[in-house]
Each structure stands twice: as C-alpha cells, then as structure tokens.
PDB file of N, CA and C in Angstrom:
ATOM      1  N   MET A   1       0.828  -1.178   0.000  1.00  0.00           N
ATOM      2  CA  MET A   1       0.000   0.000   0.000  1.00  0.00           C
ATOM      3  C   MET A   1       0.881   1.254   0.000  1.00  0.00           C
ATOM      4  N   ILE A   2       0.581   2.208  -0.868  1.00  0.00           N
ATOM      5  CA  ILE A   2       1.319   3.462  -0.941  1.00  0.00           C
ATOM      6  C   ILE A   2       0.595   4.500  -0.093  1.00  0.00           C
ATOM      7  N   LEU A   3       1.335   5.175   0.772  1.00  0.00           N
ATOM      8  CA  LEU A   3       0.745   6.205   1.628  1.00  0.00           C
ATOM      9  C   LEU A   3       0.198   7.363   0.803  1.00  0.00           C
ATOM     10  N   GLN A   4      -0.859   7.956   1.285  1.00  0.00           N
ATOM     11  CA  GLN A   4      -1.450   9.150   0.678  1.00  0.00           C
ATOM     12  C   GLN A   4      -1.186  10.325   1.623  1.00  0.00           C
ATOM     13  N   PHE A   5      -0.729  11.446   1.081  1.00  0.00           N
ATOM     14  CA  PHE A   5      -0.424  12.619   1.885  1.00  0.00           C
ATOM     15  C   PHE A   5      -1.289  13.787   1.443  1.00  0.00           C
ATOM     16  N   GLU A   6      -1.391  14.801   2.314  1.00  0.00           N
ATOM     17  CA  GLU A   6      -2.118  16.025   2.018  1.00  0.00           C
ATOM     18  C   GLU A   6      -1.199  17.209   2.261  1.00  0.00           C
ATOM     19  N   VAL A   7      -1.445  18.317   1.554  1.00  0.00           N
ATOM     20  CA  VAL A   7      -0.677  19.541   1.762  1.00  0.00           C
ATOM     21  C   VAL A   7      -0.872  19.990   3.212  1.00  0.00           C
ATOM     22  N   ASP A   8       0.199  20.452   3.837  1.00  0.00           N
ATOM     23  CA  ASP A   8       0.270  20.918   5.235  1.00  0.00           C
ATOM     24  C   ASP A   8       0.328  19.783   6.251  1.00  0.00           C
ATOM     25  N   GLU A   9       0.340  18.543   5.807  1.00  0.00           N
ATOM     26  CA  GLU A   9       0.437  17.416   6.731  1.00  0.00           C
ATOM     27  C   GLU A   9       1.873  17.303   7.261  1.00  0.00           C
ATOM     28  N   LEU A  10       2.010  17.015   8.560  1.00  0.00           N
ATOM     29  CA  LEU A  10       3.327  16.799   9.145  1.00  0.00           C
ATOM     30  C   LEU A  10       3.763  15.370   8.886  1.00  0.00           C
ATOM     31  N   VAL A  11       5.049  15.227   8.512  1.00  0.00           N
ATOM     32  CA  VAL A  11       5.616  13.918   8.207  1.00  0.00           C
ATOM     33  C   VAL A  11       6.993  13.795   8.855  1.00  0.00           C
ATOM     34  N   ASN A  12       7.500  12.585   8.901  1.00  0.00           N
ATOM     35  CA  ASN A  12       8.831  12.345   9.428  1.00  0.00           C
ATOM     36  C   ASN A  12       9.610  11.489   8.435  1.00  0.00           C
ATOM     37  N   HIS A  13      10.870  11.860   8.208  1.00  0.00           N
ATOM     38  CA  HIS A  13      11.748  11.116   7.308  1.00  0.00           C
ATOM     39  C   HIS A  13      12.917  10.591   8.129  1.00  0.00           C
ATOM     40  N   ASP A  14      13.338   9.358   7.862  1.00  0.00           N
ATOM     41  CA  ASP A  14      14.419   8.739   8.623  1.00  0.00           C
ATOM     42  C   ASP A  14      15.697   9.571   8.638  1.00  0.00           C
ATOM     43  N   SER A  15      16.023  10.243   7.541  1.00  0.00           N
ATOM     44  CA  SER A  15      17.267  11.018   7.464  1.00  0.00           C
ATOM     45  C   SER A  15      17.075  12.509   7.706  1.00  0.00           C
ATOM     46  N   HIS A  16      15.957  13.075   7.254  1.00  0.00           N
ATOM     47  CA  HIS A  16      15.756  14.526   7.280  1.00  0.00           C
ATOM     48  C   HIS A  16      14.964  15.014   8.479  1.00  0.00           C
ATOM     49  N   GLY A  17      14.316  14.115   9.209  1.00  0.00           N
ATOM     50  CA  GLY A  17      13.542  14.500  10.377  1.00  0.00           C
ATOM     51  C   GLY A  17      12.131  14.930  10.036  1.00  0.00           C
ATOM     52  N   MET A  18      11.572  15.811  10.880  1.00  0.00           N
ATOM     53  CA  MET A  18      10.190  16.239  10.715  1.00  0.00           C
ATOM     54  C   MET A  18      10.076  17.339   9.682  1.00  0.00           C
ATOM     55  N   GLY A  19       8.997  17.281   8.894  1.00  0.00           N
ATOM     56  CA  GLY A  19       8.754  18.300   7.891  1.00  0.00           C
ATOM     57  C   GLY A  19       7.275  18.426   7.599  1.00  0.00           C
ATOM     58  N   ARG A  20       6.959  19.363   6.700  1.00  0.00           N
ATOM     59  CA  ARG A  20       5.561  19.614   6.315  1.00  0.00           C
ATOM     60  C   ARG A  20       5.434  19.482   4.807  1.00  0.00           C
ATOM     61  N   VAL A  21       4.429  18.742   4.355  1.00  0.00           N
ATOM     62  CA  VAL A  21       4.172  18.575   2.926  1.00  0.00           C
ATOM     63  C   VAL A  21       3.749  19.931   2.353  1.00  0.00           C
ATOM     64  N   VAL A  22       4.447  20.374   1.288  1.00  0.00           N
ATOM     65  CA  VAL A  22       4.122  21.661   0.668  1.00  0.00           C
ATOM     66  C   VAL A  22       3.465  21.507  -0.699  1.00  0.00           C
ATOM     67  N   SER A  23       3.665  20.356  -1.358  1.00  0.00           N
ATOM     68  CA  SER A  23       2.978  20.121  -2.624  1.00  0.00           C
ATOM     69  C   SER A  23       2.950  18.631  -2.934  1.00  0.00           C
ATOM     70  N   LEU A  24       2.018  18.277  -3.808  1.00  0.00           N
ATOM     71  CA  LEU A  24       1.812  16.885  -4.215  1.00  0.00           C
ATOM     72  C   LEU A  24       1.755  16.818  -5.730  1.00  0.00           C
ATOM     73  N   ASP A  25       2.171  15.676  -6.272  1.00  0.00           N
ATOM     74  CA  ASP A  25       1.930  15.390  -7.679  1.00  0.00           C
ATOM     75  C   ASP A  25       1.771  13.886  -7.814  1.00  0.00           C
ATOM     76  N   ALA A  26       1.511  13.420  -8.994  1.00  0.00           N
ATOM     77  CA  ALA A  26       1.222  11.998  -9.202  1.00  0.00           C
ATOM     78  C   ALA A  26       2.393  11.087  -8.852  1.00  0.00           C
ATOM     79  N   ALA A  27       3.611  11.608  -8.892  1.00  0.00           N
ATOM     80  CA  ALA A  27       4.790  10.764  -8.696  1.00  0.00           C
ATOM     81  C   ALA A  27       5.547  11.019  -7.397  1.00  0.00           C
ATOM     82  N   GLY A  28       5.061  11.946  -6.548  1.00  0.00           N
ATOM     83  CA  GLY A  28       5.785  12.200  -5.316  1.00  0.00           C
ATOM     84  C   GLY A  28       5.223  13.357  -4.520  1.00  0.00           C
ATOM     85  N   VAL A  29       5.932  13.689  -3.440  1.00  0.00           N
ATOM     86  CA  VAL A  29       5.561  14.823  -2.584  1.00  0.00           C
ATOM     87  C   VAL A  29       6.783  15.709  -2.397  1.00  0.00           C
ATOM     88  N   THR A  30       6.538  16.994  -2.151  1.00  0.00           N
ATOM     89  CA  THR A  30       7.607  17.924  -1.821  1.00  0.00           C
ATOM     90  C   THR A  30       7.413  18.324  -0.366  1.00  0.00           C
ATOM     91  N   VAL A  31       8.505  18.184   0.409  1.00  0.00           N
ATOM     92  CA  VAL A  31       8.423  18.402   1.850  1.00  0.00           C
ATOM     93  C   VAL A  31       9.416  19.474   2.269  1.00  0.00           C
ATOM     94  N   ASP A  32       8.946  20.405   3.107  1.00  0.00           N
ATOM     95  CA  ASP A  32       9.795  21.441   3.685  1.00  0.00           C
ATOM     96  C   ASP A  32      10.327  20.919   5.013  1.00  0.00           C
ATOM     97  N   PHE A  33      11.625  20.592   5.033  1.00  0.00           N
ATOM     98  CA  PHE A  33      12.262  20.092   6.245  1.00  0.00           C
ATOM     99  C   PHE A  33      12.975  21.207   7.004  1.00  0.00           C
ATOM    100  N   ARG A  34      12.980  22.420   6.481  1.00  0.00           N
ATOM    101  CA  ARG A  34      13.639  23.591   7.057  1.00  0.00           C
ATOM    102  C   ARG A  34      15.057  23.278   7.482  1.00  0.00           C
ATOM    103  N   PRO A  35      16.036  23.757   6.842  1.00  0.00           N
ATOM    104  CA  PRO A  35      15.978  24.759   5.796  1.00  0.00           C
ATOM    105  C   PRO A  35      15.870  24.171   4.389  1.00  0.00           C
ATOM    106  N   GLU A  36      15.836  22.862   4.253  1.00  0.00           N
ATOM    107  CA  GLU A  36      15.781  22.236   2.927  1.00  0.00           C
ATOM    108  C   GLU A  36      14.359  21.911   2.509  1.00  0.00           C
ATOM    109  N   ILE A  37      14.082  22.049   1.210  1.00  0.00           N
ATOM    110  CA  ILE A  37      12.834  21.564   0.623  1.00  0.00           C
ATOM    111  C   ILE A  37      13.224  20.440  -0.325  1.00  0.00           C
ATOM    112  N   ILE A  38      12.670  19.258  -0.075  1.00  0.00           N
ATOM    113  CA  ILE A  38      13.091  18.062  -0.801  1.00  0.00           C
ATOM    114  C   ILE A  38      11.877  17.367  -1.409  1.00  0.00           C
ATOM    115  N   ARG A  39      12.018  16.940  -2.666  1.00  0.00           N
ATOM    116  CA  ARG A  39      10.978  16.148  -3.318  1.00  0.00           C
ATOM    117  C   ARG A  39      11.278  14.678  -3.083  1.00  0.00           C
ATOM    118  N   ILE A  40      10.281  13.957  -2.620  1.00  0.00           N
ATOM    119  CA  ILE A  40      10.438  12.536  -2.330  1.00  0.00           C
ATOM    120  C   ILE A  40       9.519  11.762  -3.267  1.00  0.00           C
ATOM    121  N   PRO A  41      10.104  10.903  -4.104  1.00  0.00           N
ATOM    122  CA  PRO A  41       9.286  10.151  -5.067  1.00  0.00           C
ATOM    123  C   PRO A  41       8.493   9.029  -4.392  1.00  0.00           C
ATOM    124  N   SER A  42       7.350   8.716  -4.985  1.00  0.00           N
ATOM    125  CA  SER A  42       6.565   7.575  -4.554  1.00  0.00           C
ATOM    126  C   SER A  42       7.390   6.315  -4.812  1.00  0.00           C
ATOM    127  N   PRO A  43       7.364   5.316  -3.979  1.00  0.00           N
ATOM    128  CA  PRO A  43       6.437   4.994  -2.903  1.00  0.00           C
ATOM    129  C   PRO A  43       6.865   5.509  -1.530  1.00  0.00           C
ATOM    130  N   PHE A  44       7.584   6.618  -1.457  1.00  0.00           N
ATOM    131  CA  PHE A  44       7.917   7.324  -0.215  1.00  0.00           C
ATOM    132  C   PHE A  44       8.734   6.507   0.774  1.00  0.00           C
ATOM    133  N   PRO A  45       9.914   6.045   0.348  1.00  0.00           N
ATOM    134  CA  PRO A  45      10.758   5.294   1.274  1.00  0.00           C
ATOM    135  C   PRO A  45      11.182   6.174   2.451  1.00  0.00           C
ATOM    136  N   HIS A  46      11.137   5.603   3.627  1.00  0.00           N
ATOM    137  CA  HIS A  46      11.607   6.258   4.852  1.00  0.00           C
ATOM    138  C   HIS A  46      10.760   7.454   5.276  1.00  0.00           C
ATOM    139  N   LEU A  47       9.557   7.628   4.716  1.00  0.00           N
ATOM    140  CA  LEU A  47       8.681   8.739   5.052  1.00  0.00           C
ATOM    141  C   LEU A  47       7.426   8.197   5.735  1.00  0.00           C
ATOM    142  N   SER A  48       7.061   8.823   6.856  1.00  0.00           N
ATOM    143  CA  SER A  48       5.860   8.380   7.578  1.00  0.00           C
ATOM    144  C   SER A  48       5.054   9.584   8.039  1.00  0.00           C
ATOM    145  N   LYS A  49       3.777   9.357   8.265  1.00  0.00           N
ATOM    146  CA  LYS A  49       2.899  10.402   8.777  1.00  0.00           C
ATOM    147  C   LYS A  49       3.118  10.563  10.276  1.00  0.00           C
ATOM    148  N   LEU A  50       2.885  11.783  10.766  1.00  0.00           N
ATOM    149  CA  LEU A  50       2.938  12.028  12.211  1.00  0.00           C
ATOM    150  C   LEU A  50       1.535  12.140  12.764  1.00  0.00           C
TER     151      LEU A  50
END
C-alpha cells in the first residue's frame, strides 16, 4: 500500500527529520524540512505520517 499525503500534513523522514508537505503530484511529494525543501518520489521510502 502506498501512503497518501495532504498539503500541510506533518511527516517524518528517517534522514531529514520532521517536515511539512508543501505540494503533491502523481509521482511524489515535496516536503519542507527547514531549511531544505526536498521532493520525495513515490512509494515514499523512509517517510511516515505524524
């Protein structure tokens, strides 16, 4: 099962820590981890909802 995310949802990444989803597209999500903004492709390895 592939996780579904929403804009402004808080998430956690194994390497980057906590962040907020800033945009979505069919192939991935873009997350603001402050100070970095990183695009994470589906199926979202190492990314979980908070």
